[in-house]
C-alpha atoms as a PDB file:
ATOM      1  CA  MET A   1      73.498  20.168  18.426  1.00  0.00           C
ATOM      2  CA  ARG A   2      71.288  19.079  21.286  1.00  0.00           C
ATOM      3  CA  SER A   3      71.204  15.595  21.383  1.00  0.00           C
ATOM      4  CA  GLY A   4      68.602  13.504  23.492  1.00  0.00           C
ATOM      5  CA  ILE A   5      65.890  11.185  24.173  1.00  0.00           C
ATOM      6  CA  VAL A   6      62.763  12.206  22.266  1.00  0.00           C
ATOM      7  CA  PHE A   7      59.390   9.874  23.481  1.00  0.00           C
ATOM      8  CA  ASP A   8      56.111   9.611  21.652  1.00  0.00           C
ATOM      9  CA  ALA A   9      54.201  10.287  25.338  1.00  0.00           C
ATOM     10  CA  THR A  10      50.075  10.644  26.487  1.00  0.00           C
ATOM     11  CA  ILE A  11      48.705  11.142  29.712  1.00  0.00           C
ATOM     12  CA  ALA A  12      45.270   9.591  30.300  1.00  0.00           C
ATOM     13  CA  TYR A  13      43.055   9.759  33.338  1.00  0.00           C
ATOM     14  CA  PRO A  14      41.147   6.549  33.453  1.00  0.00           C
ATOM     15  CA  THR A  15      38.780   7.052  35.943  1.00  0.00           C
ATOM     16  CA  LYS A  16      38.269  10.707  34.849  1.00  0.00           C
ATOM     17  CA  ARG A  17      39.857  12.192  37.918  1.00  0.00           C
ATOM     18  CA  PRO A  18      43.439  14.096  38.458  1.00  0.00           C
ATOM     19  CA  ASN A  19      44.156  11.841  41.352  1.00  0.00           C
ATOM     20  CA  PHE A  20      44.775   8.205  38.788  1.00  0.00           C
ATOM     21  CA  SER A  21      46.858   8.410  35.658  1.00  0.00           C
ATOM     22  CA  ILE A  22      48.239   6.520  33.045  1.00  0.00           C
ATOM     23  CA  VAL A  23      51.413   7.790  31.136  1.00  0.00           C
ATOM     24  CA  ARG A  24      52.504   6.500  28.150  1.00  0.00           C
ATOM     25  CA  LEU A  25      56.558   6.981  27.494  1.00  0.00           C
ATOM     26  CA  GLY A  26      57.314   5.720  24.254  1.00  0.00           C
ATOM     27  CA  ASN A  27      55.885   1.529  24.319  1.00  0.00           C
ATOM     28  CA  ARG A  28      56.471   1.694  28.137  1.00  0.00           C
ATOM     29  CA  GLN A  29      52.816   2.713  30.827  1.00  0.00           C
ATOM     30  CA  TYR A  30      53.364   4.034  33.914  1.00  0.00           C
ATOM     31  CA  ALA A  31      49.731   4.363  36.690  1.00  0.00           C
ATOM     32  CA  PHE A  32      49.614   6.471  38.784  1.00  0.00           C
ATOM     33  CA  SER A  33      47.201   6.670  42.324  1.00  0.00           C
ATOM     34  CA  TYR A  34      48.083  10.659  42.894  1.00  0.00           C
ATOM     35  CA  GLU A  35      51.790  10.359  43.623  1.00  0.00           C
ATOM     36  CA  ALA A  36      52.306   7.017  43.809  1.00  0.00           C
ATOM     37  CA  ILE A  37      53.755   4.669  41.207  1.00  0.00           C
ATOM     38  CA  ILE A  38      51.092   1.767  41.022  1.00  0.00           C
ATOM     39  CA  ALA A  39      51.987  -0.619  38.283  1.00  0.00           C
ATOM     40  CA  TYR A  40      53.836  -0.362  35.130  1.00  0.00           C
ATOM     41  CA  ARG A  41      54.543  -2.649  32.350  1.00  0.00           C
ATOM     42  CA  GLU A  42      55.560  -2.311  28.233  1.00  0.00           C
ATOM     43  CA  LEU A  43      52.561  -1.870  25.881  1.00  0.00           C
ATOM     44  CA  GLY A  44      50.855  -5.142  24.523  1.00  0.00           C
ATOM     45  CA  GLU A  45      51.969  -7.402  28.481  1.00  0.00           C
ATOM     46  CA  GLY A  46      50.461  -7.668  31.575  1.00  0.00           C
ATOM     47  CA  TRP A  47      50.690  -5.266  33.977  1.00  0.00           C
ATOM     48  CA  ILE A  48      53.405  -5.705  36.946  1.00  0.00           C
ATOM     49  CA  ILE A  49      51.686  -4.055  40.537  1.00  0.00           C
ATOM     50  CA  ARG A  50      53.364  -3.270  43.258  1.00  0.00           C
ATOM     51  CA  GLY A  51      52.464  -5.065  46.563  1.00  0.00           C
ATOM     52  CA  GLY A  52      51.731  -3.721  50.048  1.00  0.00           C
ATOM     53  CA  LYS A  53      49.496  -1.728  51.801  1.00  0.00           C
ATOM     54  CA  TRP A  54      47.368   0.437  50.162  1.00  0.00           C
ATOM     55  CA  SER A  55      44.555   3.075  51.153  1.00  0.00           C
ATOM     56  CA  HIS A  56      41.015   2.642  49.421  1.00  0.00           C
ATOM     57  CA  THR A  57      41.130   5.131  47.039  1.00  0.00           C
ATOM     58  CA  THR A  58      44.401   3.375  45.651  1.00  0.00           C
ATOM     59  CA  ASN A  59      42.667  -0.211  45.820  1.00  0.00           C
ATOM     60  CA  GLN A  60      40.347   1.290  43.484  1.00  0.00           C
ATOM     61  CA  HIS A  61      42.862   2.294  40.844  1.00  0.00           C
ATOM     62  CA  LEU A  62      44.879  -1.213  41.260  1.00  0.00           C
ATOM     63  CA  ALA A  63      41.317  -2.817  40.739  1.00  0.00           C
ATOM     64  CA  HIS A  64      40.404  -0.754  37.863  1.00  0.00           C
ATOM     65  CA  ILE A  65      43.865  -1.884  36.224  1.00  0.00           C
ATOM     66  CA  ARG A  66      43.837  -5.968  37.293  1.00  0.00           C
ATOM     67  CA  GLN A  67      40.069  -5.308  35.662  1.00  0.00           C
ATOM     68  CA  GLN A  68      41.466  -4.387  32.138  1.00  0.00           C
ATOM     69  CA  ALA A  69      43.608  -6.811  32.535  1.00  0.00           C
ATOM     70  CA  GLY A  70      41.621  -9.016  32.973  1.00  0.00           C
ATOM     71  CA  SER A  71      38.687  -8.105  30.457  1.00  0.00           C
ATOM     72  CA  HIS A  72      41.772  -8.685  27.927  1.00  0.00           C
ATOM     73  CA  ALA A  73      43.199 -11.794  28.656  1.00  0.00           C
ATOM     74  CA  ASN A  74      42.715 -15.060  27.591  1.00  0.00           C
ATOM     75  CA  LYS A  75      44.438 -18.487  26.852  1.00  0.00           C
ATOM     76  CA  GLU A  76      45.934 -17.113  23.505  1.00  0.00           C
ATOM     77  CA  LEU A  77      46.964 -14.221  25.243  1.00  0.00           C
ATOM     78  CA  PRO A  78      48.760 -15.031  28.871  1.00  0.00           C
ATOM     79  CA  SER A  79      50.983 -12.295  28.366  1.00  0.00           C
ATOM     80  CA  LEU A  80      48.363  -9.715  29.647  1.00  0.00           C
ATOM     81  CA  VAL A  81      48.298 -11.499  32.976  1.00  0.00           C
ATOM     82  CA  ASN A  82      49.058  -9.226  35.570  1.00  0.00           C
ATOM     83  CA  LYS A  83      52.229  -9.844  38.683  1.00  0.00           C
ATOM     84  CA  GLU A  84      52.066  -8.575  41.313  1.00  0.00           C
ATOM     85  CA  LEU A  85      55.442  -8.409  43.143  1.00  0.00           C
ATOM     86  CA  PRO A  86      56.494  -7.062  46.211  1.00  0.00           C
ATOM     87  CA  GLU A  87      57.457  -3.883  46.807  1.00  0.00           C
ATOM     88  CA  ASP A  88      61.548  -4.284  46.728  1.00  0.00           C
ATOM     89  CA  ASP A  89      61.002  -6.306  44.166  1.00  0.00           C
ATOM     90  CA  PHE A  90      58.620  -4.087  42.186  1.00  0.00           C
ATOM     91  CA  LEU A  91      61.312  -0.957  42.844  1.00  0.00           C
ATOM     92  CA  ILE A  92      64.314  -3.233  41.218  1.00  0.00           C
ATOM     93  CA  GLY A  93      62.080  -4.383  38.026  1.00  0.00           C
ATOM     94  CA  LEU A  94      61.186  -0.288  37.243  1.00  0.00           C
ATOM     95  CA  ASN A  95      64.759   0.459  38.207  1.00  0.00           C
ATOM     96  CA  GLU A  96      65.931  -2.140  35.062  1.00  0.00           C
ATOM     97  CA  LEU A  97      62.749  -0.309  33.140  1.00  0.00           C
ATOM     98  CA  LEU A  98      64.011   3.269  33.387  1.00  0.00           C
ATOM     99  CA  ASP A  99      68.075   1.903  33.005  1.00  0.00           C
ATOM    100  CA  GLY A 100      66.837   0.573  29.937  1.00  0.00           C
ATOM    101  CA  MET A 101      65.410   4.304  28.383  1.00  0.00           C
ATOM    102  CA  ASN A 102      69.080   5.648  28.972  1.00  0.00           C
END
């Protein structure tokens, strides 16, 4: 008998291009620009955005994420406000999130 974790998973391409994708695993989402993870979040929460210097296209992908959250954020839903972290802090938080999946 095999045991393991089973996830409901989807992949969306918000800009209809393969270089920007949002992967949902269970109740978490991970945004990718090309092969780099640029943001993550728990569903219903704001995005945790990876700080740093990015290419023009990746900055467009980040702008899409910021705009998406900004269109939903208001005083009644403060959890939808994004938080940008320096790269090291972003990766530590991502690691902790992924460790919690085990």
